[in-house]
Amino acid sequence: MAGRVLQLSELTSPELDGLERESTIAVMAISPLEVHGPHLPLGTDVLVAEEVRERAVRLCRKARPHLDYLYLPSYHLGSDTIPGSPAFDSRAVSLTLLGVGRFLASRGFRYLWVFDNHGGPRHQIAEAKAVRRLWRERSFCLVAPFLSFYRRMVEDDPELLRRIGSFPGACGDAQDCHAGLNETSLMLASRPEAVRPEWERLPRVSIRTRRWPSLALGVAAAAAGRMGASELAADLRYLGLMLDWTTEKHPSTYVGEPRAASAEAGERMLDAFAEEALSRLQGCLDGEPPFFHPLAWSLRFLEPSR
């Protein structure tokens, strides 16, 4: 019977070997434990990723009813976390994904659908490198839809804004990138009991621009733009803005306006993410390679994974 959701940790080795390889999709969530203001739990990113996973699997069961789903445990792991959070070298992210992917490939499986909700630049680059390496080594599809979805959020993609009825500064973009309106809304929609009541009183906090990181990298971005390297220029400007925030002596633990959040906004964003996740998986099932350039990809030499 197709459409099953199976837990890898509960299967025996012969039971695992008995699964149909072409129609079984391995599924996992990976994101760090990270401080999310005074109002959201440290596990917010994994909790959101797991909620998107459930919605995406429901959509996929309707679109591709012949598939089964093999759930792996969630990994609380990530790099480029904000101060006060557990921090890991980005190579740990890449090696974890490579280890899981190689294990699955060695047992004959072809697809790993990874759900994430963390925008750390080296974290995302490490994921993207693992995607490419598994494809190159094993023709194995590691499908990581947050790499494309987060870019759409940060770049205020007009189609996404229309889909969710939002606007710049309220959709998880640079000035709403952490525990602000967007992530508070996501949690109000998915885990309202975990949102502390302080959220209703937290005003907008914006990243203070024109500090030394964005000034220095802005010069480099302007030079890159004059040479026609538009993606590099955009990545340098984005990195400068993120460093403006995280290099402050006492950086805020949230960016955005939590008190403007709503469960309705969270529902729209969760559904949009789940739809993107399904679209990325279906592309791979139809033969497309799983590649996507995350934000800061042009600076991937700064991330040490191979």
Protein backbone atom coordinates (compact mmCIF):
# COMPACT_ATOMS: atom_id res chain seq x y z
CA MET A 1 0.00 0.00 0.00
CA ALA A 2 1.53 3.31 -1.12
CA GLY A 3 1.45 6.62 0.74
CA ARG A 4 3.00 5.17 3.90
CA VAL A 5 5.05 7.23 6.35
CA LEU A 6 7.76 5.02 7.87
CA GLN A 7 10.28 5.81 10.58
CA LEU A 8 13.83 4.72 9.71
CA SER A 9 14.71 4.25 13.39
CA GLU A 10 11.90 1.71 13.80
CA LEU A 11 12.76 -0.51 10.81
CA THR A 12 15.00 -3.55 10.80
CA SER A 13 17.67 -3.85 8.13
CA PRO A 14 15.68 -6.48 6.15
CA GLU A 15 12.57 -4.28 6.34
CA LEU A 16 14.59 -1.37 4.98
CA ASP A 17 15.89 -3.55 2.16
CA GLY A 18 12.32 -4.56 1.36
CA LEU A 19 11.25 -1.00 0.45
CA GLU A 20 10.76 -0.07 -3.20
CA ARG A 21 13.75 2.09 -4.09
CA GLU A 22 12.29 4.18 -6.90
CA SER A 23 9.12 5.09 -5.01
CA THR A 24 10.51 5.74 -1.51
CA ILE A 25 11.45 9.30 -0.58
CA ALA A 26 13.72 9.73 2.44
CA VAL A 27 12.77 12.83 4.44
CA MET A 28 14.63 14.75 7.13
CA ALA A 29 14.81 18.15 8.83
CA ILE A 30 18.03 19.93 9.75
CA SER A 31 18.47 23.31 11.44
CA PRO A 32 20.33 24.64 14.46
CA LEU A 33 19.31 25.34 18.00
CA GLU A 34 19.43 29.13 17.99
CA VAL A 35 18.32 32.05 20.13
CA HIS A 36 15.12 33.53 18.66
CA GLY A 37 14.41 36.64 20.68
CA PRO A 38 12.84 36.43 24.15
CA HIS A 39 9.63 34.90 22.75
CA LEU A 40 10.49 31.88 20.58
CA PRO A 41 12.22 28.63 21.61
CA LEU A 42 15.74 27.73 20.54
CA GLY A 43 14.34 24.90 18.45
CA THR A 44 12.23 27.22 16.30
CA ASP A 45 14.00 26.46 13.02
CA VAL A 46 13.57 22.69 13.32
CA LEU A 47 9.97 23.05 14.53
CA VAL A 48 9.14 25.16 11.47
CA ALA A 49 11.04 22.79 9.17
CA GLU A 50 9.07 19.83 10.56
CA GLU A 51 5.77 21.66 10.01
CA VAL A 52 6.70 22.41 6.39
CA ARG A 53 7.72 18.76 6.00
CA GLU A 54 4.27 17.59 7.09
CA ARG A 55 2.48 19.99 4.74
CA ALA A 56 4.74 19.11 1.82
CA VAL A 57 4.26 15.38 2.37
CA ARG A 58 0.48 15.86 2.45
CA LEU A 59 0.66 17.71 -0.88
CA CYS A 60 2.91 15.05 -2.36
CA ARG A 61 0.64 12.21 -1.28
CA LYS A 62 -2.10 13.82 -3.38
CA ALA A 63 0.14 14.63 -6.35
CA ARG A 64 2.10 11.34 -6.38
CA PRO A 65 -0.02 8.74 -4.52
CA HIS A 66 2.35 5.87 -5.38
CA LEU A 67 5.17 7.19 -3.17
CA ASP A 68 6.19 6.15 0.35
CA TYR A 69 8.08 8.37 2.83
CA LEU A 70 10.98 7.26 4.99
CA TYR A 71 11.42 9.68 7.90
CA LEU A 72 14.86 10.17 9.40
CA PRO A 73 15.30 11.81 12.83
CA SER A 74 15.58 15.60 12.81
CA TYR A 75 19.05 17.07 13.23
CA HIS A 76 19.55 20.10 15.48
CA LEU A 77 22.65 21.23 13.65
CA GLY A 78 23.69 24.39 11.85
CA SER A 79 26.36 27.00 11.33
CA ASP A 80 26.44 30.81 11.31
CA THR A 81 24.13 31.03 14.31
CA ILE A 82 23.73 34.30 16.19
CA PRO A 83 25.74 34.97 19.38
CA GLY A 84 24.52 33.01 22.40
CA SER A 85 23.56 29.95 20.33
CA PRO A 86 25.26 26.57 19.81
CA ALA A 87 27.63 27.02 16.88
CA PHE A 88 29.09 24.37 14.58
CA ASP A 89 31.58 24.49 11.74
CA SER A 90 29.68 24.43 8.46
CA ARG A 91 31.63 21.30 7.50
CA ALA A 92 29.57 19.46 10.11
CA VAL A 93 26.43 20.31 8.12
CA SER A 94 27.96 19.13 4.86
CA LEU A 95 29.41 15.95 6.36
CA THR A 96 26.09 15.08 8.02
CA LEU A 97 24.20 15.41 4.75
CA LEU A 98 26.90 13.51 2.87
CA GLY A 99 26.83 10.72 5.47
CA VAL A 100 23.07 10.36 5.30
CA GLY A 101 23.02 10.59 1.51
CA ARG A 102 25.80 8.01 1.06
CA PHE A 103 24.09 5.62 3.48
CA LEU A 104 20.84 5.85 1.54
CA ALA A 105 22.60 5.56 -1.82
CA SER A 106 24.50 2.48 -0.63
CA ARG A 107 21.14 0.84 0.14
CA GLY A 108 19.84 1.70 -3.32
CA PHE A 109 17.65 4.72 -2.52
CA ARG A 110 17.72 7.75 -4.81
CA TYR A 111 16.05 10.69 -3.07
CA LEU A 112 16.53 12.64 0.16
CA TRP A 113 14.11 15.53 0.75
CA VAL A 114 15.68 17.93 3.26
CA PHE A 115 13.69 20.56 5.17
CA ASP A 116 15.47 23.52 6.72
CA ASN A 117 14.63 26.97 8.09
CA HIS A 118 18.05 28.51 8.72
CA GLY A 119 19.52 31.24 6.55
CA GLY A 120 23.14 31.26 7.73
CA PRO A 121 25.24 31.83 4.57
CA ARG A 122 27.84 29.12 5.22
CA HIS A 123 25.09 26.75 6.41
CA GLN A 124 23.29 27.11 3.08
CA ILE A 125 26.47 26.93 1.02
CA ALA A 126 27.46 23.72 2.83
CA GLU A 127 24.07 22.21 1.95
CA ALA A 128 24.43 23.25 -1.69
CA LYS A 129 27.91 21.70 -1.87
CA ALA A 130 26.59 18.44 -0.43
CA VAL A 131 23.83 18.45 -3.07
CA ARG A 132 26.39 18.71 -5.85
CA ARG A 133 28.79 16.17 -4.41
CA LEU A 134 26.14 13.49 -3.91
CA TRP A 135 24.89 14.04 -7.45
CA ARG A 136 28.43 13.84 -8.83
CA GLU A 137 29.42 10.77 -6.80
CA ARG A 138 26.25 8.71 -6.78
CA SER A 139 23.68 10.40 -9.09
CA PHE A 140 21.77 10.79 -5.81
CA CYS A 141 19.18 13.57 -5.44
CA LEU A 142 19.44 15.61 -2.26
CA VAL A 143 16.49 17.99 -2.65
CA ALA A 144 16.89 21.09 -0.43
CA PRO A 145 14.04 23.49 -1.26
CA PHE A 146 14.91 26.11 1.37
CA LEU A 147 17.95 27.06 -0.71
CA SER A 148 15.65 28.52 -3.35
CA PHE A 149 12.81 29.59 -1.06
CA TYR A 150 15.03 31.61 1.28
CA ARG A 151 16.54 33.44 -1.67
CA ARG A 152 13.03 34.38 -2.83
CA MET A 153 12.25 35.66 0.66
CA VAL A 154 15.39 37.78 0.99
CA GLU A 155 15.12 39.18 -2.52
CA ASP A 156 11.42 40.11 -2.05
CA ASP A 157 10.36 37.98 -4.98
CA PRO A 158 7.21 39.67 -6.37
CA GLU A 159 5.42 36.36 -7.06
CA LEU A 160 6.04 35.17 -3.49
CA LEU A 161 4.87 38.49 -2.04
CA ARG A 162 1.65 38.24 -4.04
CA ARG A 163 1.17 34.61 -2.98
CA ILE A 164 1.43 35.39 0.72
CA GLY A 165 -0.10 38.89 0.64
CA SER A 166 3.00 40.46 2.17
CA PHE A 167 5.46 43.27 1.57
CA PRO A 168 9.19 43.99 2.02
CA GLY A 169 10.24 43.94 5.66
CA ALA A 170 7.56 41.40 6.61
CA CYS A 171 8.36 38.26 4.64
CA GLY A 172 11.58 36.96 6.15
CA ASP A 173 13.79 39.25 4.08
CA ALA A 174 16.90 41.03 5.37
CA GLN A 175 15.06 43.40 7.72
CA ASP A 176 12.75 40.63 8.98
CA CYS A 177 15.29 37.81 8.91
CA HIS A 178 15.19 36.43 12.44
CA ALA A 179 12.36 35.93 14.97
CA GLY A 180 10.50 38.94 13.59
CA LEU A 181 7.09 39.15 11.94
CA ASN A 182 7.68 36.19 9.63
CA GLU A 183 9.12 33.62 12.03
CA THR A 184 6.75 34.62 14.84
CA SER A 185 3.87 34.15 12.40
CA LEU A 186 5.23 30.75 11.37
CA MET A 187 5.28 29.65 14.99
CA LEU A 188 1.82 31.09 15.75
CA ALA A 189 0.52 28.96 12.88
CA SER A 190 2.43 25.78 13.65
CA ARG A 191 3.20 25.75 17.39
CA PRO A 192 1.22 28.55 19.08
CA GLU A 193 1.66 27.02 22.54
CA ALA A 194 5.44 27.51 22.21
CA VAL A 195 5.23 31.27 21.55
CA ARG A 196 5.76 33.27 24.75
CA PRO A 197 3.31 36.13 25.43
CA GLU A 198 6.07 38.73 25.12
CA TRP A 199 5.67 38.58 21.33
CA GLU A 200 2.69 40.95 21.48
CA ARG A 201 4.84 43.73 22.99
CA LEU A 202 8.02 43.46 20.95
CA PRO A 203 8.54 46.47 18.63
CA ARG A 204 10.38 46.53 15.34
CA VAL A 205 14.14 46.14 15.45
CA SER A 206 16.03 46.93 12.27
CA ILE A 207 19.62 46.20 11.36
CA ARG A 208 21.69 49.34 11.73
CA THR A 209 23.17 49.88 8.30
CA ARG A 210 26.12 52.01 7.32
CA ARG A 211 28.38 50.25 9.77
CA TRP A 212 31.88 49.15 8.78
CA PRO A 213 30.94 45.75 7.28
CA SER A 214 28.45 47.12 4.76
CA LEU A 215 30.62 50.14 4.04
CA ALA A 216 33.68 47.99 3.31
CA LEU A 217 31.81 45.30 1.38
CA GLY A 218 29.76 47.97 -0.36
CA VAL A 219 32.94 49.28 -1.99
CA ALA A 220 33.77 45.76 -3.16
CA ALA A 221 30.18 45.28 -4.38
CA ALA A 222 30.34 48.49 -6.41
CA ALA A 223 33.57 47.35 -8.04
CA ALA A 224 32.05 43.94 -8.82
CA GLY A 225 29.00 45.62 -10.33
CA ARG A 226 31.15 47.77 -12.61
CA MET A 227 32.82 44.58 -13.88
CA GLY A 228 29.45 42.99 -14.65
CA ALA A 229 29.51 40.54 -11.73
CA SER A 230 25.98 41.34 -10.55
CA GLU A 231 25.50 38.17 -8.47
CA LEU A 232 28.78 38.75 -6.63
CA ALA A 233 27.79 42.37 -6.01
CA ALA A 234 24.43 41.34 -4.55
CA ASP A 235 26.05 38.67 -2.38
CA LEU A 236 28.60 41.14 -1.02
CA ARG A 237 25.89 43.65 -0.13
CA TYR A 238 23.84 40.92 1.60
CA LEU A 239 26.84 39.66 3.55
CA GLY A 240 27.69 43.21 4.62
CA LEU A 241 24.17 43.73 5.96
CA MET A 242 24.22 40.49 7.93
CA LEU A 243 27.62 41.41 9.40
CA ASP A 244 26.27 44.85 10.31
CA TRP A 245 23.91 42.99 12.64
CA THR A 246 25.97 40.13 14.01
CA THR A 247 29.16 42.13 14.67
CA GLU A 248 27.46 44.63 16.98
CA LYS A 249 28.73 44.52 20.55
CA HIS A 250 25.29 43.44 21.78
CA PRO A 251 23.30 42.37 18.72
CA SER A 252 19.56 42.08 19.01
CA THR A 253 18.28 38.53 19.26
CA TYR A 254 15.52 39.34 16.77
CA VAL A 255 15.18 41.42 13.62
CA GLY A 256 11.75 42.57 12.45
CA GLU A 257 8.47 43.29 14.24
CA PRO A 258 7.14 40.31 16.22
CA ARG A 259 4.08 42.18 17.53
CA ALA A 260 2.77 42.50 13.95
CA ALA A 261 2.74 38.73 13.48
CA SER A 262 -0.37 36.64 12.91
CA ALA A 263 -1.22 32.98 12.53
CA GLU A 264 -2.89 33.80 9.21
CA ALA A 265 0.35 35.22 7.78
CA GLY A 266 2.17 32.15 9.04
CA GLU A 267 -0.30 29.81 7.36
CA ARG A 268 0.20 31.51 4.01
CA MET A 269 3.98 31.34 4.30
CA LEU A 270 4.01 27.70 5.42
CA ASP A 271 1.79 26.72 2.53
CA ALA A 272 3.95 28.65 0.04
CA PHE A 273 7.08 26.92 1.34
CA ALA A 274 5.41 23.50 1.15
CA GLU A 275 4.35 24.18 -2.44
CA GLU A 276 7.92 25.17 -3.37
CA ALA A 277 9.23 22.02 -1.68
CA LEU A 278 6.85 19.86 -3.70
CA SER A 279 7.80 21.65 -6.92
CA ARG A 280 11.52 21.05 -6.30
CA LEU A 281 10.94 17.36 -5.51
CA GLN A 282 8.74 16.82 -8.53
CA GLY A 283 11.38 18.37 -10.76
CA CYS A 284 13.92 15.84 -9.50
CA LEU A 285 11.47 12.96 -9.87
CA ASP A 286 11.02 14.08 -13.48
CA GLY A 287 14.77 13.98 -14.11
CA GLU A 288 15.99 17.50 -13.31
CA PRO A 289 19.27 17.83 -11.35
CA PRO A 290 18.71 19.19 -7.81
CA PHE A 291 21.06 22.17 -8.12
CA PHE A 292 20.25 25.67 -6.91
CA HIS A 293 22.50 28.61 -6.05
CA PRO A 294 21.79 29.82 -2.50
CA LEU A 295 22.50 33.35 -1.37
CA ALA A 296 26.24 34.09 -1.20
CA TRP A 297 27.03 31.20 -3.56
CA SER A 298 29.52 33.39 -5.42
CA LEU A 299 31.46 33.56 -2.12
CA ARG A 300 31.48 29.77 -1.65
CA PHE A 301 35.29 29.75 -1.41
CA LEU A 302 34.80 31.19 2.12
CA GLU A 303 32.97 27.99 3.17
CA PRO A 304 35.46 25.13 3.82
CA SER A 305 33.39 22.10 2.74
CA ARG A 306 34.48 20.33 -0.43
